[in-house]
Amino acid sequence: MDLDAFVTEHQAEWERLRRLAGRPRRKLTSEEVDELVALYHRTATHLSMVRSRSPDPAVVAWLSRLVLQARAALTPSAGFSPAGVTRFLLVSFPGEVWQAGRWWVGVAALFAGLTGIRMAVVAADPTRFVPPERIDELVNHSFEAYYSTFQPQNFALLVWTNNAFIAAVCLASGVLILPVVLVLWYNLENLGLVGGVMIGNGRADIFFGLLLVHGLLELTAIFIAAGVGLRIGWAWIAPGPDRTRVRALAERARSGMVVALGLGLVLLVSGLIEAFVTPAPMPIPVRLGLGALVWLGFLAYLVGFGARASGAGEGADVDPLDRPAHVPTG
C-alpha cells in the first residue's frame, strides 16, 4: 500500500471527522450525527488497514487518537452505576476467574505439592536449614505472636497492601511469565521452611491452626492472580487462530484488570480475617470453621456465577465499541 497516496486520498474526511468529533454533540444536527457515525466507522477501517499493511507509527498514532475522540463523542461514558457494579460482581469477575480455572487450579495443585515436599524435607531435620536459636524463637514465640503484634485495624491494612502487591505483580508481570514463577517460588520456600520447622518441632497444630484460618482464602486469591497472569503470558505465546499476538495479549490483559479489581476485594476480606479472626481468643476449631466457611462461600460464588456467565458467553473484556478496530484487510 502506498501510504502517502492513502493519506492524501482520505485526509479530508479525517479532518472532517476531527471537526465533528470536537463539537458538542448537542450542537450537531441529525445529518451531522449520521455523518459522524459513518466517518467513525470508515476511519476505524482505515486505521486497521494502516496497521496491517503499512504500520507507520505517526499515522497509526494520529488515527488512533482520532478514532478514540470520535468514539468518545458517540458513546460518552455512563460513569458509575449500580448496574455496572452488579455486572462486575455477578458476571465479569466470576466469569473471568471461571474461564481461567484450569490455570489457577493447576498453580494451586503444583504449589501445594511442592510446598508439602519442602515441609517434609525441612521437618526431617530443621537444624540443617535454620539455626537452633532461630528455631526456638520461631516455635515458642514469634510465629504465634506475629498475628497480634499490631493493632487489628493496622494489621489488616498491612496484610491487605502486601497481598494486593503480590497479586498485582503476578498479574502485571504475567506476560513475562518468569516473575510470576519467582513470586510463587519465594512464597513456597518461605512457607515450606516455616512449616517444616513448626512440624518438625511438634507444633503442626499451631502452624496449620493459625495459617489456614485466613490462608485458605488468601492463598486462593494469590493462586488466581498467578494463574490469570500466566494465562496472559500464554496469550502472547499461543494467541490462537485468527488473532495476532498483540490482539490476544490486549484482550487477556483487559480481562485481567477486572480480576485485579475483584481480587483487591477478596484480599481485603482475607486481611480482615487474618487481623480479627486468626488471633481471636476462640478455640482453634471455631476459627478454622469461620475461615473455611468464608472460603467455601467464595468458591461457591465462583462456581455458581462464573459457570453461568461463561455458559452465557459473557466475558470480562470491554464492550465491543470500546475495543480497537479489527477488520479483514486482505
C-alpha atoms as a PDB file:
ATOM      1  CA  MET A   1       0.000   0.000   0.000  1.00  0.00           C
ATOM      2  CA  ASP A   2       1.273   3.477  -0.936  1.00  0.00           C
ATOM      3  CA  LEU A   3       0.878   5.190   2.410  1.00  0.00           C
ATOM      4  CA  ASP A   4       1.401   8.717   1.100  1.00  0.00           C
ATOM      5  CA  ALA A   5      -1.278   8.273  -1.531  1.00  0.00           C
ATOM      6  CA  PHE A   6      -3.617   6.695   1.023  1.00  0.00           C
ATOM      7  CA  VAL A   7      -3.183   9.616   3.423  1.00  0.00           C
ATOM      8  CA  THR A   8      -3.711  12.148   0.632  1.00  0.00           C
ATOM      9  CA  GLU A   9      -6.868  10.380  -0.507  1.00  0.00           C
ATOM     10  CA  HIS A  10      -8.518  10.256   2.913  1.00  0.00           C
ATOM     11  CA  GLN A  11      -7.077  13.249   4.751  1.00  0.00           C
ATOM     12  CA  ALA A  12     -10.065  15.470   4.001  1.00  0.00           C
ATOM     13  CA  GLU A  13     -12.588  13.074   5.567  1.00  0.00           C
ATOM     14  CA  TRP A  14     -10.311  12.513   8.560  1.00  0.00           C
ATOM     15  CA  GLU A  15     -10.168  16.250   9.087  1.00  0.00           C
ATOM     16  CA  ARG A  16     -13.953  16.448   8.758  1.00  0.00           C
ATOM     17  CA  LEU A  17     -14.291  13.712  11.412  1.00  0.00           C
ATOM     18  CA  ARG A  18     -11.950  15.620  13.715  1.00  0.00           C
ATOM     19  CA  ARG A  19     -14.061  18.779  13.425  1.00  0.00           C
ATOM     20  CA  LEU A  20     -17.336  16.953  14.007  1.00  0.00           C
ATOM     21  CA  ALA A  21     -15.969  14.977  16.976  1.00  0.00           C
ATOM     22  CA  GLY A  22     -14.629  18.175  18.527  1.00  0.00           C
ATOM     23  CA  ARG A  23     -18.020  19.867  18.639  1.00  0.00           C
ATOM     24  CA  PRO A  24     -20.532  19.347  21.478  1.00  0.00           C
ATOM     25  CA  ARG A  25     -22.962  16.647  20.417  1.00  0.00           C
ATOM     26  CA  ARG A  26     -25.992  18.753  21.280  1.00  0.00           C
ATOM     27  CA  LYS A  27     -24.888  21.282  18.661  1.00  0.00           C
ATOM     28  CA  LEU A  28     -24.775  18.692  15.852  1.00  0.00           C
ATOM     29  CA  THR A  29     -27.708  18.341  13.500  1.00  0.00           C
ATOM     30  CA  SER A  30     -29.170  14.892  12.867  1.00  0.00           C
ATOM     31  CA  GLU A  31     -27.431  14.838   9.467  1.00  0.00           C
ATOM     32  CA  GLU A  32     -24.102  15.661  11.090  1.00  0.00           C
ATOM     33  CA  VAL A  33     -24.559  12.922  13.677  1.00  0.00           C
ATOM     34  CA  ASP A  34     -25.179  10.419  10.859  1.00  0.00           C
ATOM     35  CA  GLU A  35     -22.091  11.735   9.090  1.00  0.00           C
ATOM     36  CA  LEU A  36     -20.057  11.423  12.300  1.00  0.00           C
ATOM     37  CA  VAL A  37     -21.087   7.773  12.693  1.00  0.00           C
ATOM     38  CA  ALA A  38     -20.238   6.950   9.053  1.00  0.00           C
ATOM     39  CA  LEU A  39     -16.869   8.699   9.217  1.00  0.00           C
ATOM     40  CA  TYR A  40     -16.057   6.993  12.522  1.00  0.00           C
ATOM     41  CA  HIS A  41     -16.611   3.507  11.080  1.00  0.00           C
ATOM     42  CA  ARG A  42     -14.712   4.394   7.900  1.00  0.00           C
ATOM     43  CA  THR A  43     -11.750   5.815   9.802  1.00  0.00           C
ATOM     44  CA  ALA A  44     -11.643   2.789  12.112  1.00  0.00           C
ATOM     45  CA  THR A  45     -11.359   0.638   8.988  1.00  0.00           C
ATOM     46  CA  HIS A  46      -8.596   2.896   7.651  1.00  0.00           C
ATOM     47  CA  LEU A  47      -6.729   2.508  10.951  1.00  0.00           C
ATOM     48  CA  SER A  48      -6.949  -1.265  10.719  1.00  0.00           C
ATOM     49  CA  MET A  49      -5.688  -1.180   7.131  1.00  0.00           C
ATOM     50  CA  VAL A  50      -2.706   1.021   8.011  1.00  0.00           C
ATOM     51  CA  ARG A  51      -1.824  -1.189  10.984  1.00  0.00           C
ATOM     52  CA  SER A  52      -1.820  -4.352   8.909  1.00  0.00           C
ATOM     53  CA  ARG A  53      -0.312  -3.127   5.637  1.00  0.00           C
ATOM     54  CA  SER A  54       1.937  -0.159   6.362  1.00  0.00           C
ATOM     55  CA  PRO A  55       2.190   0.462  10.107  1.00  0.00           C
ATOM     56  CA  ASP A  56       3.770   3.911  10.140  1.00  0.00           C
ATOM     57  CA  PRO A  57       3.915   4.909  13.846  1.00  0.00           C
ATOM     58  CA  ALA A  58       2.963   8.545  13.283  1.00  0.00           C
ATOM     59  CA  VAL A  59      -0.053   7.762  11.109  1.00  0.00           C
ATOM     60  CA  VAL A  60      -1.213   4.941  13.421  1.00  0.00           C
ATOM     61  CA  ALA A  61      -0.922   7.207  16.473  1.00  0.00           C
ATOM     62  CA  TRP A  62      -2.815  10.064  14.800  1.00  0.00           C
ATOM     63  CA  LEU A  63      -5.611   7.841  13.528  1.00  0.00           C
ATOM     64  CA  SER A  64      -5.857   6.067  16.905  1.00  0.00           C
ATOM     65  CA  ARG A  65      -6.374   9.384  18.686  1.00  0.00           C
ATOM     66  CA  LEU A  66      -8.927  10.415  16.095  1.00  0.00           C
ATOM     67  CA  VAL A  67     -10.883   7.176  16.418  1.00  0.00           C
ATOM     68  CA  LEU A  68     -10.838   7.447  20.230  1.00  0.00           C
ATOM     69  CA  GLN A  69     -12.031  11.054  20.044  1.00  0.00           C
ATOM     70  CA  ALA A  70     -14.876  10.106  17.706  1.00  0.00           C
ATOM     71  CA  ARG A  71     -15.800   7.103  19.834  1.00  0.00           C
ATOM     72  CA  ALA A  72     -15.952   9.309  22.931  1.00  0.00           C
ATOM     73  CA  ALA A  73     -18.188  11.778  21.085  1.00  0.00           C
ATOM     74  CA  LEU A  74     -20.567   8.999  20.018  1.00  0.00           C
ATOM     75  CA  THR A  75     -20.598   6.965  23.238  1.00  0.00           C
ATOM     76  CA  PRO A  76     -19.958   9.233  26.234  1.00  0.00           C
ATOM     77  CA  SER A  77     -19.111   7.417  29.445  1.00  0.00           C
ATOM     78  CA  ALA A  78     -22.093   6.394  31.529  1.00  0.00           C
ATOM     79  CA  GLY A  79     -19.949   6.769  34.646  1.00  0.00           C
ATOM     80  CA  PHE A  80     -20.504   4.868  37.858  1.00  0.00           C
ATOM     81  CA  SER A  81     -23.784   2.980  38.013  1.00  0.00           C
ATOM     82  CA  PRO A  82     -25.321   0.287  40.227  1.00  0.00           C
ATOM     83  CA  ALA A  83     -25.908  -1.824  37.112  1.00  0.00           C
ATOM     84  CA  GLY A  84     -22.190  -1.706  36.310  1.00  0.00           C
ATOM     85  CA  VAL A  85     -21.232  -2.759  39.830  1.00  0.00           C
ATOM     86  CA  THR A  86     -23.772  -5.580  39.741  1.00  0.00           C
ATOM     87  CA  ARG A  87     -22.446  -6.812  36.405  1.00  0.00           C
ATOM     88  CA  PHE A  88     -18.894  -6.701  37.717  1.00  0.00           C
ATOM     89  CA  LEU A  89     -19.727  -8.706  40.837  1.00  0.00           C
ATOM     90  CA  LEU A  90     -22.076 -11.254  39.259  1.00  0.00           C
ATOM     91  CA  VAL A  91     -20.763 -11.608  35.701  1.00  0.00           C
ATOM     92  CA  SER A  92     -17.392 -10.089  34.787  1.00  0.00           C
ATOM     93  CA  PHE A  93     -15.225 -11.082  37.756  1.00  0.00           C
ATOM     94  CA  PRO A  94     -16.545 -14.594  38.480  1.00  0.00           C
ATOM     95  CA  GLY A  95     -16.832 -15.333  34.763  1.00  0.00           C
ATOM     96  CA  GLU A  96     -13.212 -14.464  34.054  1.00  0.00           C
ATOM     97  CA  VAL A  97     -11.950 -16.402  37.082  1.00  0.00           C
ATOM     98  CA  TRP A  98     -14.032 -19.400  35.999  1.00  0.00           C
ATOM     99  CA  GLN A  99     -12.616 -19.302  32.459  1.00  0.00           C
ATOM    100  CA  ALA A 100      -9.082 -19.199  33.872  1.00  0.00           C
ATOM    101  CA  GLY A 101      -9.896 -22.077  36.232  1.00  0.00           C
ATOM    102  CA  ARG A 102      -7.544 -24.676  34.808  1.00  0.00           C
ATOM    103  CA  TRP A 103      -4.672 -22.205  35.138  1.00  0.00           C
ATOM    104  CA  TRP A 104      -5.107 -21.228  38.764  1.00  0.00           C
ATOM    105  CA  VAL A 105      -6.228 -24.676  39.901  1.00  0.00           C
ATOM    106  CA  GLY A 106      -3.072 -26.063  38.290  1.00  0.00           C
ATOM    107  CA  VAL A 107      -0.976 -23.438  40.045  1.00  0.00           C
ATOM    108  CA  ALA A 108      -2.646 -24.298  43.367  1.00  0.00           C
ATOM    109  CA  ALA A 109      -2.067 -28.036  42.954  1.00  0.00           C
ATOM    110  CA  LEU A 110       1.584 -27.629  41.988  1.00  0.00           C
ATOM    111  CA  PHE A 111       2.221 -25.111  44.772  1.00  0.00           C
ATOM    112  CA  ALA A 112       0.597 -27.340  47.398  1.00  0.00           C
ATOM    113  CA  GLY A 113       2.531 -30.400  46.246  1.00  0.00           C
ATOM    114  CA  LEU A 114       5.933 -28.702  46.186  1.00  0.00           C
ATOM    115  CA  THR A 115       5.280 -26.922  49.489  1.00  0.00           C
ATOM    116  CA  GLY A 116       4.375 -30.236  51.106  1.00  0.00           C
ATOM    117  CA  ILE A 117       7.622 -31.765  49.872  1.00  0.00           C
ATOM    118  CA  ARG A 118       9.592 -28.780  51.154  1.00  0.00           C
ATOM    119  CA  MET A 119       7.941 -29.004  54.569  1.00  0.00           C
ATOM    120  CA  ALA A 120       8.678 -32.727  54.797  1.00  0.00           C
ATOM    121  CA  VAL A 121      12.360 -32.206  53.948  1.00  0.00           C
ATOM    122  CA  VAL A 122      12.766 -29.395  56.486  1.00  0.00           C
ATOM    123  CA  ALA A 123      10.767 -31.220  59.177  1.00  0.00           C
ATOM    124  CA  ALA A 124      13.086 -34.234  58.936  1.00  0.00           C
ATOM    125  CA  ASP A 125      15.994 -32.117  60.242  1.00  0.00           C
ATOM    126  CA  PRO A 126      15.153 -28.433  60.879  1.00  0.00           C
ATOM    127  CA  THR A 127      18.639 -27.577  62.141  1.00  0.00           C
ATOM    128  CA  ARG A 128      20.063 -28.204  58.653  1.00  0.00           C
ATOM    129  CA  PHE A 129      18.149 -25.155  57.408  1.00  0.00           C
ATOM    130  CA  VAL A 130      17.636 -22.863  60.423  1.00  0.00           C
ATOM    131  CA  PRO A 131      19.965 -22.092  63.376  1.00  0.00           C
ATOM    132  CA  PRO A 132      18.781 -23.622  66.725  1.00  0.00           C
ATOM    133  CA  GLU A 133      18.293 -20.235  68.382  1.00  0.00           C
ATOM    134  CA  ARG A 134      16.106 -19.072  65.492  1.00  0.00           C
ATOM    135  CA  ILE A 135      14.100 -22.302  65.693  1.00  0.00           C
ATOM    136  CA  ASP A 136      13.459 -21.776  69.387  1.00  0.00           C
ATOM    137  CA  GLU A 137      12.295 -18.189  68.807  1.00  0.00           C
ATOM    138  CA  LEU A 138      10.009 -19.175  65.913  1.00  0.00           C
ATOM    139  CA  VAL A 139       8.456 -22.229  67.542  1.00  0.00           C
ATOM    140  CA  ASN A 140       7.907 -20.809  71.014  1.00  0.00           C
ATOM    141  CA  HIS A 141       7.091 -17.180  70.310  1.00  0.00           C
ATOM    142  CA  SER A 142       7.369 -15.324  67.019  1.00  0.00           C
ATOM    143  CA  PHE A 143       5.093 -17.417  64.788  1.00  0.00           C
ATOM    144  CA  GLU A 144       2.079 -17.126  67.086  1.00  0.00           C
ATOM    145  CA  ALA A 145       2.924 -13.591  68.221  1.00  0.00           C
ATOM    146  CA  TYR A 146       3.086 -12.334  64.637  1.00  0.00           C
ATOM    147  CA  TYR A 147      -0.718 -12.188  64.422  1.00  0.00           C
ATOM    148  CA  SER A 148      -1.126  -9.986  67.498  1.00  0.00           C
ATOM    149  CA  THR A 149       1.892  -7.673  67.270  1.00  0.00           C
ATOM    150  CA  PHE A 150      -0.062  -4.785  65.718  1.00  0.00           C
ATOM    151  CA  GLN A 151      -3.463  -3.282  66.337  1.00  0.00           C
ATOM    152  CA  PRO A 152      -6.019  -5.308  64.305  1.00  0.00           C
ATOM    153  CA  GLN A 153      -7.026  -2.439  62.008  1.00  0.00           C
ATOM    154  CA  ASN A 154      -3.383  -1.598  61.266  1.00  0.00           C
ATOM    155  CA  PHE A 155      -2.505  -5.244  60.749  1.00  0.00           C
ATOM    156  CA  ALA A 156      -5.426  -5.705  58.362  1.00  0.00           C
ATOM    157  CA  LEU A 157      -4.226  -2.780  56.233  1.00  0.00           C
ATOM    158  CA  LEU A 158      -0.638  -4.048  56.298  1.00  0.00           C
ATOM    159  CA  VAL A 159      -1.639  -7.562  55.249  1.00  0.00           C
ATOM    160  CA  TRP A 160      -4.021  -6.300  52.567  1.00  0.00           C
ATOM    161  CA  THR A 161      -1.481  -3.982  50.927  1.00  0.00           C
ATOM    162  CA  ASN A 162       1.216  -6.683  50.969  1.00  0.00           C
ATOM    163  CA  ASN A 163      -1.010  -9.353  49.448  1.00  0.00           C
ATOM    164  CA  ALA A 164      -2.533  -6.931  46.944  1.00  0.00           C
ATOM    165  CA  PHE A 165       1.003  -6.038  45.849  1.00  0.00           C
ATOM    166  CA  ILE A 166       1.874  -9.713  45.342  1.00  0.00           C
ATOM    167  CA  ALA A 167      -1.302 -10.256  43.317  1.00  0.00           C
ATOM    168  CA  ALA A 168      -0.608  -7.132  41.257  1.00  0.00           C
ATOM    169  CA  VAL A 169       2.928  -8.328  40.477  1.00  0.00           C
ATOM    170  CA  CYS A 170       1.577 -11.682  39.304  1.00  0.00           C
ATOM    171  CA  LEU A 171      -0.980 -10.030  37.031  1.00  0.00           C
ATOM    172  CA  ALA A 172       1.165  -7.187  35.724  1.00  0.00           C
ATOM    173  CA  SER A 173       4.234  -9.334  35.010  1.00  0.00           C
ATOM    174  CA  GLY A 174       2.332 -12.331  33.671  1.00  0.00           C
ATOM    175  CA  VAL A 175       3.336 -11.537  30.105  1.00  0.00           C
ATOM    176  CA  LEU A 176       6.954 -12.255  31.112  1.00  0.00           C
ATOM    177  CA  ILE A 177       5.973 -15.480  32.961  1.00  0.00           C
ATOM    178  CA  LEU A 178       9.273 -15.758  34.890  1.00  0.00           C
ATOM    179  CA  PRO A 179       8.431 -13.086  37.521  1.00  0.00           C
ATOM    180  CA  VAL A 180       5.236 -14.980  38.381  1.00  0.00           C
ATOM    181  CA  VAL A 181       7.216 -18.190  38.838  1.00  0.00           C
ATOM    182  CA  LEU A 182       9.732 -16.372  41.045  1.00  0.00           C
ATOM    183  CA  VAL A 183       6.998 -14.865  43.243  1.00  0.00           C
ATOM    184  CA  LEU A 184       5.421 -18.275  43.714  1.00  0.00           C
ATOM    185  CA  TRP A 185       8.778 -19.903  44.406  1.00  0.00           C
ATOM    186  CA  TYR A 186       9.710 -17.301  47.031  1.00  0.00           C
ATOM    187  CA  ASN A 187       6.429 -17.832  48.853  1.00  0.00           C
ATOM    188  CA  LEU A 188       6.752 -21.610  48.511  1.00  0.00           C
ATOM    189  CA  GLU A 189      10.223 -21.532  50.056  1.00  0.00           C
ATOM    190  CA  ASN A 190       9.144 -19.293  52.922  1.00  0.00           C
ATOM    191  CA  LEU A 191       6.018 -21.292  53.702  1.00  0.00           C
ATOM    192  CA  GLY A 192       7.824 -24.611  53.371  1.00  0.00           C
ATOM    193  CA  LEU A 193      10.654 -23.523  55.629  1.00  0.00           C
ATOM    194  CA  VAL A 194       8.469 -22.134  58.413  1.00  0.00           C
ATOM    195  CA  GLY A 195       6.003 -25.002  58.155  1.00  0.00           C
ATOM    196  CA  GLY A 196       8.782 -27.579  58.200  1.00  0.00           C
ATOM    197  CA  VAL A 197      10.326 -26.073  61.318  1.00  0.00           C
ATOM    198  CA  MET A 198       6.994 -25.961  63.128  1.00  0.00           C
ATOM    199  CA  ILE A 199       6.052 -29.505  62.114  1.00  0.00           C
ATOM    200  CA  GLY A 200       9.486 -30.847  62.960  1.00  0.00           C
ATOM    201  CA  ASN A 201       9.177 -29.445  66.468  1.00  0.00           C
ATOM    202  CA  GLY A 202       5.719 -30.818  67.177  1.00  0.00           C
ATOM    203  CA  ARG A 203       3.829 -27.567  66.561  1.00  0.00           C
ATOM    204  CA  ALA A 204       1.891 -28.598  63.448  1.00  0.00           C
ATOM    205  CA  ASP A 205      -1.394 -27.881  65.254  1.00  0.00           C
ATOM    206  CA  ILE A 206      -0.402 -24.256  65.885  1.00  0.00           C
ATOM    207  CA  PHE A 207       1.003 -23.804  62.380  1.00  0.00           C
ATOM    208  CA  PHE A 208      -1.997 -25.127  60.450  1.00  0.00           C
ATOM    209  CA  GLY A 209      -4.479 -23.935  63.067  1.00  0.00           C
ATOM    210  CA  LEU A 210      -3.420 -20.324  62.597  1.00  0.00           C
ATOM    211  CA  LEU A 211      -2.397 -20.338  58.924  1.00  0.00           C
ATOM    212  CA  LEU A 212      -5.495 -21.960  57.459  1.00  0.00           C
ATOM    213  CA  VAL A 213      -7.953 -19.614  59.147  1.00  0.00           C
ATOM    214  CA  HIS A 214      -7.107 -16.855  56.670  1.00  0.00           C
ATOM    215  CA  GLY A 215      -4.740 -18.764  54.376  1.00  0.00           C
ATOM    216  CA  LEU A 216      -7.419 -20.712  52.529  1.00  0.00           C
ATOM    217  CA  LEU A 217      -8.920 -17.530  51.087  1.00  0.00           C
ATOM    218  CA  GLU A 218      -5.666 -15.601  50.871  1.00  0.00           C
ATOM    219  CA  LEU A 219      -3.733 -18.305  49.016  1.00  0.00           C
ATOM    220  CA  THR A 220      -6.665 -18.956  46.682  1.00  0.00           C
ATOM    221  CA  ALA A 221      -6.628 -15.277  45.702  1.00  0.00           C
ATOM    222  CA  ILE A 222      -2.864 -15.408  45.055  1.00  0.00           C
ATOM    223  CA  PHE A 223      -3.264 -18.600  43.009  1.00  0.00           C
ATOM    224  CA  ILE A 224      -5.964 -16.898  40.918  1.00  0.00           C
ATOM    225  CA  ALA A 225      -3.694 -13.900  40.333  1.00  0.00           C
ATOM    226  CA  ALA A 226      -0.810 -16.151  39.311  1.00  0.00           C
ATOM    227  CA  GLY A 227      -2.991 -18.314  37.072  1.00  0.00           C
ATOM    228  CA  VAL A 228      -4.558 -15.340  35.298  1.00  0.00           C
ATOM    229  CA  GLY A 229      -1.127 -13.737  34.951  1.00  0.00           C
ATOM    230  CA  LEU A 230       0.304 -16.871  33.338  1.00  0.00           C
ATOM    231  CA  ARG A 231      -2.752 -17.053  31.090  1.00  0.00           C
ATOM    232  CA  ILE A 232      -1.974 -13.519  29.895  1.00  0.00           C
ATOM    233  CA  GLY A 233       1.595 -14.603  29.132  1.00  0.00           C
ATOM    234  CA  TRP A 234       0.382 -17.685  27.270  1.00  0.00           C
ATOM    235  CA  ALA A 235      -1.801 -15.477  25.045  1.00  0.00           C
ATOM    236  CA  TRP A 236       1.425 -13.909  23.796  1.00  0.00           C
ATOM    237  CA  ILE A 237       2.999 -17.308  23.141  1.00  0.00           C
ATOM    238  CA  ALA A 238      -0.052 -19.021  21.615  1.00  0.00           C
ATOM    239  CA  PRO A 239      -2.609 -16.400  20.505  1.00  0.00           C
ATOM    240  CA  GLY A 240      -4.858 -18.901  18.784  1.00  0.00           C
ATOM    241  CA  PRO A 241      -6.349 -18.855  15.296  1.00  0.00           C
ATOM    242  CA  ASP A 242      -7.410 -15.595  13.625  1.00  0.00           C
ATOM    243  CA  ARG A 243      -5.750 -13.422  16.276  1.00  0.00           C
ATOM    244  CA  THR A 244      -2.443 -11.589  16.303  1.00  0.00           C
ATOM    245  CA  ARG A 245      -0.267 -11.784  19.396  1.00  0.00           C
ATOM    246  CA  VAL A 246      -0.908  -8.130  20.159  1.00  0.00           C
ATOM    247  CA  ARG A 247      -4.675  -8.560  19.922  1.00  0.00           C
ATOM    248  CA  ALA A 248      -4.703 -11.723  22.054  1.00  0.00           C
ATOM    249  CA  LEU A 249      -2.469 -10.107  24.670  1.00  0.00           C
ATOM    250  CA  ALA A 250      -4.641  -6.972  24.783  1.00  0.00           C
ATOM    251  CA  GLU A 251      -7.829  -8.995  25.268  1.00  0.00           C
ATOM    252  CA  ARG A 252      -6.355 -11.107  28.054  1.00  0.00           C
ATOM    253  CA  ALA A 253      -4.779  -8.076  29.742  1.00  0.00           C
ATOM    254  CA  ARG A 254      -8.028  -6.099  29.745  1.00  0.00           C
ATOM    255  CA  SER A 255      -9.852  -9.028  31.304  1.00  0.00           C
ATOM    256  CA  GLY A 256      -7.002  -9.456  33.780  1.00  0.00           C
ATOM    257  CA  MET A 257      -7.577  -5.937  35.092  1.00  0.00           C
ATOM    258  CA  VAL A 258     -11.122  -6.954  36.036  1.00  0.00           C
ATOM    259  CA  VAL A 259      -9.661  -9.860  38.005  1.00  0.00           C
ATOM    260  CA  ALA A 260      -7.202  -7.491  39.708  1.00  0.00           C
ATOM    261  CA  LEU A 261     -10.034  -5.292  40.949  1.00  0.00           C
ATOM    262  CA  GLY A 262     -12.029  -8.281  42.197  1.00  0.00           C
ATOM    263  CA  LEU A 263      -9.048  -9.797  43.980  1.00  0.00           C
ATOM    264  CA  GLY A 264      -8.498  -6.499  45.770  1.00  0.00           C
ATOM    265  CA  LEU A 265     -11.872  -7.042  47.453  1.00  0.00           C
ATOM    266  CA  VAL A 266     -11.162 -10.725  48.168  1.00  0.00           C
ATOM    267  CA  LEU A 267      -7.798  -9.929  49.740  1.00  0.00           C
ATOM    268  CA  LEU A 268      -9.404  -7.212  51.844  1.00  0.00           C
ATOM    269  CA  VAL A 269     -11.725  -9.842  53.301  1.00  0.00           C
ATOM    270  CA  SER A 270      -8.825 -12.240  53.938  1.00  0.00           C
ATOM    271  CA  GLY A 271      -6.866  -9.414  55.581  1.00  0.00           C
ATOM    272  CA  LEU A 272      -9.754  -8.686  57.926  1.00  0.00           C
ATOM    273  CA  ILE A 273      -9.978 -12.373  58.809  1.00  0.00           C
ATOM    274  CA  GLU A 274      -6.229 -12.546  59.472  1.00  0.00           C
ATOM    275  CA  ALA A 275      -6.327  -9.454  61.671  1.00  0.00           C
ATOM    276  CA  PHE A 276      -9.522 -10.071  63.624  1.00  0.00           C
ATOM    277  CA  VAL A 277     -10.279 -13.817  63.496  1.00  0.00           C
ATOM    278  CA  THR A 278      -6.900 -15.584  63.374  1.00  0.00           C
ATOM    279  CA  PRO A 279      -5.651 -14.133  66.728  1.00  0.00           C
ATOM    280  CA  ALA A 280      -9.104 -14.067  68.348  1.00  0.00           C
ATOM    281  CA  PRO A 281      -9.443 -15.706  71.800  1.00  0.00           C
ATOM    282  CA  MET A 282     -11.537 -18.578  70.478  1.00  0.00           C
ATOM    283  CA  PRO A 283     -10.817 -22.300  70.144  1.00  0.00           C
ATOM    284  CA  ILE A 284      -8.858 -23.076  67.008  1.00  0.00           C
ATOM    285  CA  PRO A 285     -11.607 -25.308  65.541  1.00  0.00           C
ATOM    286  CA  VAL A 286     -14.049 -22.382  65.752  1.00  0.00           C
ATOM    287  CA  ARG A 287     -11.634 -20.047  63.988  1.00  0.00           C
ATOM    288  CA  LEU A 288     -10.912 -22.688  61.356  1.00  0.00           C
ATOM    289  CA  GLY A 289     -14.623 -23.173  60.853  1.00  0.00           C
ATOM    290  CA  LEU A 290     -15.190 -19.475  60.261  1.00  0.00           C
ATOM    291  CA  GLY A 291     -12.289 -19.250  57.824  1.00  0.00           C
ATOM    292  CA  ALA A 292     -13.395 -22.371  55.965  1.00  0.00           C
ATOM    293  CA  LEU A 293     -16.970 -21.080  55.763  1.00  0.00           C
ATOM    294  CA  VAL A 294     -15.857 -17.838  54.075  1.00  0.00           C
ATOM    295  CA  TRP A 295     -13.550 -19.761  51.720  1.00  0.00           C
ATOM    296  CA  LEU A 296     -16.234 -22.256  50.717  1.00  0.00           C
ATOM    297  CA  GLY A 297     -18.660 -19.379  50.199  1.00  0.00           C
ATOM    298  CA  PHE A 298     -16.173 -17.731  47.839  1.00  0.00           C
ATOM    299  CA  LEU A 299     -15.697 -20.956  45.871  1.00  0.00           C
ATOM    300  CA  ALA A 300     -19.466 -21.430  45.646  1.00  0.00           C
ATOM    301  CA  TYR A 301     -19.773 -17.862  44.368  1.00  0.00           C
ATOM    302  CA  LEU A 302     -17.162 -18.505  41.671  1.00  0.00           C
ATOM    303  CA  VAL A 303     -18.729 -21.781  40.593  1.00  0.00           C
ATOM    304  CA  GLY A 304     -22.305 -20.514  40.619  1.00  0.00           C
ATOM    305  CA  PHE A 305     -21.935 -17.149  38.942  1.00  0.00           C
ATOM    306  CA  GLY A 306     -18.774 -17.972  36.973  1.00  0.00           C
ATOM    307  CA  ALA A 307     -20.233 -21.050  35.279  1.00  0.00           C
ATOM    308  CA  ARG A 308     -23.425 -19.176  34.462  1.00  0.00           C
ATOM    309  CA  ALA A 309     -21.554 -16.209  32.947  1.00  0.00           C
ATOM    310  CA  SER A 310     -19.291 -18.494  30.930  1.00  0.00           C
ATOM    311  CA  GLY A 311     -22.248 -20.560  29.715  1.00  0.00           C
ATOM    312  CA  ALA A 312     -23.999 -17.395  28.549  1.00  0.00           C
ATOM    313  CA  GLY A 313     -20.917 -16.345  26.588  1.00  0.00           C
ATOM    314  CA  GLU A 314     -20.274 -13.349  28.836  1.00  0.00           C
ATOM    315  CA  GLY A 315     -16.740 -12.087  29.251  1.00  0.00           C
ATOM    316  CA  ALA A 316     -14.791  -9.527  31.235  1.00  0.00           C
ATOM    317  CA  ASP A 317     -13.476  -7.622  28.219  1.00  0.00           C
ATOM    318  CA  VAL A 318     -14.711  -4.121  27.497  1.00  0.00           C
ATOM    319  CA  ASP A 319     -17.716  -3.546  25.260  1.00  0.00           C
ATOM    320  CA  PRO A 320     -17.112  -4.089  21.520  1.00  0.00           C
ATOM    321  CA  LEU A 321     -17.397  -0.361  20.825  1.00  0.00           C
ATOM    322  CA  ASP A 322     -14.516   0.308  23.208  1.00  0.00           C
ATOM    323  CA  ARG A 323     -12.151  -2.206  21.609  1.00  0.00           C
ATOM    324  CA  PRO A 324      -9.627  -1.465  18.871  1.00  0.00           C
ATOM    325  CA  ALA A 325     -10.993  -1.978  15.371  1.00  0.00           C
ATOM    326  CA  HIS A 326     -10.050  -5.271  13.701  1.00  0.00           C
ATOM    327  CA  VAL A 327     -11.451  -5.837  10.227  1.00  0.00           C
ATOM    328  CA  PRO A 328     -10.393  -8.053   7.289  1.00  0.00           C
ATOM    329  CA  THR A 329      -7.983  -6.151   5.077  1.00  0.00           C
ATOM    330  CA  GLY A 330      -6.572  -8.896   2.861  1.00  0.00           C
END
